Amino acid sequence: MSPSPRERVLRWLNRRPQARAWTLLGPGALWLVLFFAAPIVIMFVYSFMPRGIYGGVAPGFTLEHYRRFFDPLYLDILRRTFMLSLLCTVLCLILGYPMAYAIARSARWKNFLLFLVVLPFWTSFLVRTYAMIFLMRDTGLINSVLMALGITDQPVTILYTAGAVMAGLVYGFVPFMVLPIYASLEKLDVSLLEAAEVLGARPPARFWRVTFPLSLPGVAAGCLLVFIPSLGAFLTPDLLGGAKEMMIGNLVQNQFSSARNWPFGSAASFIVMAVVLVAILVVLRRRARTAAGGLA
């Protein structure tokens, strides 16, 4: 009796481990190619094409869109975006590290605290942003409490400011800082801290000499998970900052929507992507040199 087609395929995969590995990678790789690589290639091609008369693209080749991005107006938007993203990352680290440390050291309430960290993801990010608008507007909860306590006689302008944008970014991205740091602290060997205590190290010294260095992989992952998405954020600056607080994400979104200048939007996206990749490569190379120097 001849084997069935299914049996032939299984025998062929068993004889070729590499083919079996590619079979497992195939669906995910196909998804990434179709919905990640292909759109990026299309945008890269669009960035070198002229803008159409009525929007979109027209046949041809030009570098005008890349030259246009280096106008001081757009460079100022890029600088502001990097500063806000860097500040958001620092604030998330300051707020997220103690939270992650407390969760990792909590035995009884660990699962409940993790549940509270991921609870905001159960609601749409748009809904959460609108909730912050209700909190920070002139007739919102914050101003109502301030006026009820007699701290101010009239509403304080909170909404549509840089502070409102920063509050929204930190609120949205702080869980991405907490979870990687918690994963690093959770795997920390407690015997190392006990050994440091036996050797006479006080709690601050144990933290800075043992705990913090061993949690640096989680800190690095958290910083990347916060910095890169905040760099491309457009919904939070648009809703909480209005037209006064434009970031590079708003610029790209406007070019693809109202301005209908797809080539310039694509060029701006690739310039930001290139800057981020160069910065990450520099940080990773410096970290690798530091690690090599420590081993030496």
Protein backbone atom coordinates (compact mmCIF):
# COMPACT_ATOMS: atom_id res chain seq x y z
CA MET A 1 0.00 0.00 0.00
CA SER A 2 1.52 3.33 -1.07
CA PRO A 3 1.84 6.08 1.56
CA SER A 4 -0.64 8.94 1.56
CA PRO A 5 0.39 12.46 0.54
CA ARG A 6 0.35 13.53 4.19
CA GLU A 7 2.71 10.71 5.15
CA ARG A 8 5.05 11.63 2.28
CA VAL A 9 5.20 15.23 3.46
CA LEU A 10 5.88 14.16 7.06
CA ARG A 11 8.66 11.79 5.97
CA TRP A 12 10.20 14.50 3.83
CA LEU A 13 10.13 16.97 6.75
CA ASN A 14 11.65 14.40 9.13
CA ARG A 15 14.54 13.85 6.74
CA ARG A 16 15.17 17.59 6.41
CA PRO A 17 15.18 19.45 9.76
CA GLN A 18 15.82 22.79 8.05
CA ALA A 19 12.71 22.36 5.90
CA ARG A 20 10.71 21.62 9.05
CA ALA A 21 12.00 24.80 10.67
CA TRP A 22 11.08 26.87 7.59
CA THR A 23 7.64 25.28 7.61
CA LEU A 24 7.09 26.56 11.13
CA LEU A 25 8.45 30.01 10.23
CA GLY A 26 6.49 30.22 6.99
CA PRO A 27 3.13 31.64 8.20
CA GLY A 28 4.73 34.31 10.38
CA ALA A 29 7.26 35.22 7.69
CA LEU A 30 4.51 35.50 5.07
CA TRP A 31 2.49 37.77 7.35
CA LEU A 32 5.50 40.04 7.96
CA VAL A 33 6.32 40.20 4.26
CA LEU A 34 2.77 41.07 3.22
CA PHE A 35 1.86 43.54 5.95
CA PHE A 36 5.24 44.95 7.03
CA ALA A 37 7.96 44.61 4.40
CA ALA A 38 5.77 45.22 1.34
CA PRO A 39 4.20 48.48 2.67
CA ILE A 40 7.64 49.76 3.67
CA VAL A 41 8.98 49.06 0.16
CA ILE A 42 5.98 50.85 -1.35
CA MET A 43 6.53 53.88 0.90
CA PHE A 44 10.24 53.88 0.04
CA VAL A 45 9.42 54.01 -3.65
CA TYR A 46 6.80 56.73 -3.10
CA SER A 47 9.34 58.90 -1.27
CA PHE A 48 11.29 59.34 -4.54
CA MET A 49 8.25 60.07 -6.74
CA PRO A 50 6.73 63.50 -7.46
CA ARG A 51 3.44 64.46 -5.92
CA GLY A 52 0.39 64.12 -8.12
CA ILE A 53 -1.64 67.15 -9.14
CA TYR A 54 -4.62 66.05 -7.08
CA GLY A 55 -2.60 64.26 -4.40
CA GLY A 56 -1.03 60.83 -4.31
CA VAL A 57 1.99 60.21 -6.52
CA ALA A 58 2.94 60.79 -10.14
CA PRO A 59 5.46 58.93 -12.32
CA GLY A 60 9.02 60.20 -12.07
CA PHE A 61 12.00 60.51 -9.74
CA THR A 62 12.92 63.35 -7.40
CA LEU A 63 14.84 64.06 -4.20
CA GLU A 64 12.83 67.18 -3.47
CA HIS A 65 10.90 65.62 -0.58
CA TYR A 66 14.08 64.70 1.30
CA ARG A 67 15.53 68.18 0.72
CA ARG A 68 12.28 69.75 1.89
CA PHE A 69 12.40 67.90 5.20
CA PHE A 70 15.61 69.73 6.16
CA ASP A 71 13.73 73.02 6.26
CA PRO A 72 14.13 74.59 9.74
CA LEU A 73 10.39 74.24 10.35
CA TYR A 74 10.43 70.45 10.02
CA LEU A 75 13.77 70.10 11.79
CA ASP A 76 12.30 71.98 14.75
CA ILE A 77 9.36 69.53 14.81
CA LEU A 78 11.84 66.63 14.73
CA ARG A 79 13.89 68.15 17.55
CA ARG A 80 10.78 68.74 19.67
CA THR A 81 9.63 65.19 19.04
CA PHE A 82 12.95 63.71 20.14
CA MET A 83 13.01 65.85 23.28
CA LEU A 84 9.44 64.90 24.24
CA SER A 85 10.09 61.22 23.53
CA LEU A 86 13.30 61.27 25.56
CA LEU A 87 11.57 63.03 28.45
CA CYS A 88 8.68 60.55 28.26
CA THR A 89 11.16 57.67 28.44
CA VAL A 90 12.92 59.16 31.47
CA LEU A 91 9.64 59.80 33.30
CA CYS A 92 8.39 56.30 32.52
CA LEU A 93 11.64 54.89 33.89
CA ILE A 94 11.39 56.98 37.06
CA LEU A 95 7.79 55.91 37.61
CA GLY A 96 8.02 52.37 36.24
CA TYR A 97 11.15 51.06 37.99
CA PRO A 98 9.79 51.44 41.55
CA MET A 99 6.51 49.87 40.41
CA ALA A 100 8.30 46.91 38.84
CA TYR A 101 10.53 46.52 41.89
CA ALA A 102 7.54 46.53 44.24
CA ILE A 103 5.69 43.98 42.11
CA ALA A 104 8.73 41.68 41.88
CA ARG A 105 9.25 41.80 45.65
CA SER A 106 5.58 41.34 46.50
CA ALA A 107 4.68 37.73 47.20
CA ARG A 108 1.03 38.04 48.16
CA TRP A 109 -0.18 40.80 45.80
CA LYS A 110 2.03 40.10 42.78
CA ASN A 111 -0.68 38.77 40.45
CA PHE A 112 -3.12 41.49 41.45
CA LEU A 113 -0.56 44.24 40.86
CA LEU A 114 0.33 42.82 37.46
CA PHE A 115 -3.37 42.76 36.67
CA LEU A 116 -3.58 46.47 37.50
CA VAL A 117 -0.63 47.21 35.21
CA VAL A 118 -2.21 45.50 32.20
CA LEU A 119 -5.78 46.58 33.02
CA PRO A 120 -5.64 49.77 30.87
CA PHE A 121 -5.01 47.59 27.79
CA TRP A 122 -8.54 46.22 28.20
CA THR A 123 -9.85 49.59 26.99
CA SER A 124 -9.22 51.30 23.68
CA PHE A 125 -6.35 53.79 23.72
CA LEU A 126 -8.68 56.33 22.10
CA VAL A 127 -11.20 55.96 24.94
CA ARG A 128 -8.46 56.39 27.53
CA THR A 129 -7.23 59.54 25.79
CA TYR A 130 -10.72 61.02 25.75
CA ALA A 131 -11.00 60.20 29.45
CA MET A 132 -7.89 62.31 30.04
CA ILE A 133 -9.52 65.15 28.14
CA PHE A 134 -12.45 65.02 30.56
CA LEU A 135 -9.99 65.13 33.44
CA MET A 136 -7.89 68.05 32.20
CA ARG A 137 -10.37 70.36 30.49
CA ASP A 138 -11.47 73.62 32.13
CA THR A 139 -14.60 72.03 33.59
CA GLY A 140 -12.91 68.71 34.27
CA LEU A 141 -12.23 66.87 37.50
CA ILE A 142 -8.80 68.39 38.17
CA ASN A 143 -9.96 71.99 37.88
CA SER A 144 -13.14 71.22 39.82
CA VAL A 145 -11.09 69.83 42.72
CA LEU A 146 -8.64 72.75 42.64
CA MET A 147 -11.45 75.29 42.72
CA ALA A 148 -13.37 73.38 45.41
CA LEU A 149 -10.28 73.37 47.66
CA GLY A 150 -9.77 77.09 47.10
CA ILE A 151 -6.37 76.63 45.50
CA THR A 152 -7.44 78.66 42.44
CA ASP A 153 -10.34 80.96 41.68
CA GLN A 154 -10.55 80.15 37.98
CA PRO A 155 -9.79 77.10 35.84
CA VAL A 156 -6.13 76.41 35.16
CA THR A 157 -5.19 75.82 31.53
CA ILE A 158 -4.03 72.19 31.42
CA LEU A 159 -5.43 70.85 28.18
CA TYR A 160 -3.74 71.69 24.86
CA THR A 161 -0.34 72.22 26.45
CA ALA A 162 2.98 70.36 26.35
CA GLY A 163 2.31 69.13 29.87
CA ALA A 164 -0.97 67.53 28.79
CA VAL A 165 0.80 65.78 25.91
CA MET A 166 3.52 64.51 28.23
CA ALA A 167 0.96 63.28 30.76
CA GLY A 168 -0.87 61.39 28.02
CA LEU A 169 2.32 59.83 26.65
CA VAL A 170 3.54 58.73 30.08
CA TYR A 171 0.13 57.33 30.99
CA GLY A 172 -0.04 55.37 27.75
CA PHE A 173 3.48 53.95 27.73
CA VAL A 174 4.44 53.40 31.38
CA PRO A 175 3.21 49.75 31.31
CA PHE A 176 5.72 49.06 28.54
CA MET A 177 8.44 50.11 30.95
CA VAL A 178 7.11 48.23 33.95
CA LEU A 179 6.72 44.79 32.37
CA PRO A 180 10.29 44.29 30.97
CA ILE A 181 11.88 45.59 34.18
CA TYR A 182 9.63 43.31 36.24
CA ALA A 183 10.70 40.35 34.10
CA SER A 184 14.38 41.11 34.83
CA LEU A 185 13.82 41.64 38.55
CA GLU A 186 11.70 38.50 38.81
CA LYS A 187 14.64 36.38 37.61
CA LEU A 188 17.06 38.00 40.06
CA ASP A 189 18.77 35.47 42.30
CA VAL A 190 17.98 36.47 45.89
CA SER A 191 21.10 34.67 47.11
CA LEU A 192 23.21 37.40 45.48
CA LEU A 193 21.54 40.01 47.66
CA GLU A 194 22.00 37.81 50.71
CA ALA A 195 25.68 37.41 49.89
CA ALA A 196 26.06 41.19 49.52
CA GLU A 197 24.35 41.67 52.88
CA VAL A 198 26.68 39.14 54.53
CA LEU A 199 29.65 41.04 53.10
CA GLY A 200 28.43 44.22 54.78
CA ALA A 201 26.66 46.01 51.94
CA ARG A 202 23.86 48.33 53.08
CA PRO A 203 20.50 48.43 51.23
CA PRO A 204 21.47 51.34 48.92
CA ALA A 205 24.75 49.62 48.04
CA ARG A 206 22.97 46.31 47.43
CA PHE A 207 20.58 48.02 45.05
CA TRP A 208 23.13 50.00 43.05
CA ARG A 209 25.84 47.30 43.00
CA VAL A 210 23.68 44.18 42.54
CA THR A 211 20.00 44.77 41.73
CA PHE A 212 20.20 47.65 39.28
CA PRO A 213 23.07 46.27 37.14
CA LEU A 214 21.32 42.91 36.80
CA SER A 215 18.08 44.64 35.76
CA LEU A 216 19.72 46.70 33.01
CA PRO A 217 18.53 44.37 30.20
CA GLY A 218 14.96 45.02 31.28
CA VAL A 219 15.65 48.75 31.55
CA ALA A 220 17.10 48.80 28.03
CA ALA A 221 14.14 46.87 26.63
CA GLY A 222 11.68 49.13 28.43
CA CYS A 223 13.38 52.28 27.16
CA LEU A 224 13.21 51.03 23.58
CA LEU A 225 9.57 49.99 23.97
CA VAL A 226 8.71 53.47 25.24
CA PHE A 227 10.99 55.71 23.17
CA ILE A 228 10.21 54.30 19.72
CA PRO A 229 6.37 54.29 19.99
CA SER A 230 6.35 57.73 21.62
CA LEU A 231 8.49 59.00 18.76
CA GLY A 232 5.76 58.07 16.28
CA ALA A 233 2.77 58.98 18.46
CA PHE A 234 0.21 61.18 16.75
CA LEU A 235 -3.12 60.52 18.49
CA THR A 236 -2.07 61.80 21.92
CA PRO A 237 -0.46 65.04 20.67
CA ASP A 238 -3.41 65.63 18.37
CA LEU A 239 -6.11 65.23 21.04
CA LEU A 240 -4.30 66.56 24.12
CA GLY A 241 -2.02 69.13 22.49
CA GLY A 242 -4.15 70.39 19.65
CA ALA A 243 -2.47 72.29 16.83
CA LYS A 244 0.03 73.90 19.22
CA GLU A 245 1.95 70.70 20.04
CA MET A 246 2.77 68.98 16.76
CA MET A 247 5.08 65.98 16.73
CA ILE A 248 6.58 64.16 13.78
CA GLY A 249 3.79 61.59 13.88
CA ASN A 250 1.23 64.37 13.39
CA LEU A 251 3.24 65.70 10.47
CA VAL A 252 3.32 62.32 8.73
CA GLN A 253 -0.36 61.67 9.47
CA ASN A 254 -1.34 65.08 8.03
CA GLN A 255 0.67 64.46 4.88
CA PHE A 256 -1.14 61.19 4.23
CA SER A 257 -4.61 62.54 5.09
CA SER A 258 -5.47 66.22 4.67
CA ALA A 259 -2.43 67.35 2.65
CA ARG A 260 -2.48 64.21 0.43
CA ASN A 261 1.27 64.56 -0.06
CA TRP A 262 2.20 60.89 0.13
CA PRO A 263 5.78 61.29 -1.16
CA PHE A 264 6.72 63.87 1.49
CA GLY A 265 5.03 61.83 4.22
CA SER A 266 6.98 58.75 3.11
CA ALA A 267 10.25 60.68 3.01
CA ALA A 268 9.67 62.08 6.50
CA SER A 269 8.90 58.58 7.80
CA PHE A 270 12.11 57.15 6.37
CA ILE A 271 14.26 60.00 7.67
CA VAL A 272 12.91 59.44 11.19
CA MET A 273 13.35 55.68 10.79
CA ALA A 274 16.97 56.15 9.70
CA VAL A 275 17.73 58.49 12.62
CA VAL A 276 16.22 56.03 15.11
CA LEU A 277 18.12 53.07 13.63
CA VAL A 278 21.42 54.96 13.74
CA ALA A 279 20.81 56.00 17.36
CA ILE A 280 19.94 52.43 18.39
CA LEU A 281 23.01 51.02 16.62
CA VAL A 282 25.26 53.55 18.33
CA VAL A 283 23.80 52.70 21.76
CA LEU A 284 24.08 48.96 21.15
CA ARG A 285 27.67 49.25 19.91
CA ARG A 286 28.65 51.38 22.90
CA ARG A 287 27.00 48.89 25.23
CA ALA A 288 28.84 46.01 23.54
CA ARG A 289 32.17 47.84 23.95
CA THR A 290 31.39 48.50 27.60
CA ALA A 291 30.56 44.85 28.18
CA ALA A 292 33.74 43.76 26.37
CA GLY A 293 35.79 46.17 28.46
CA GLY A 294 34.23 44.81 31.64
CA LEU A 295 35.07 41.24 30.64
CA ALA A 296 38.63 42.25 29.80
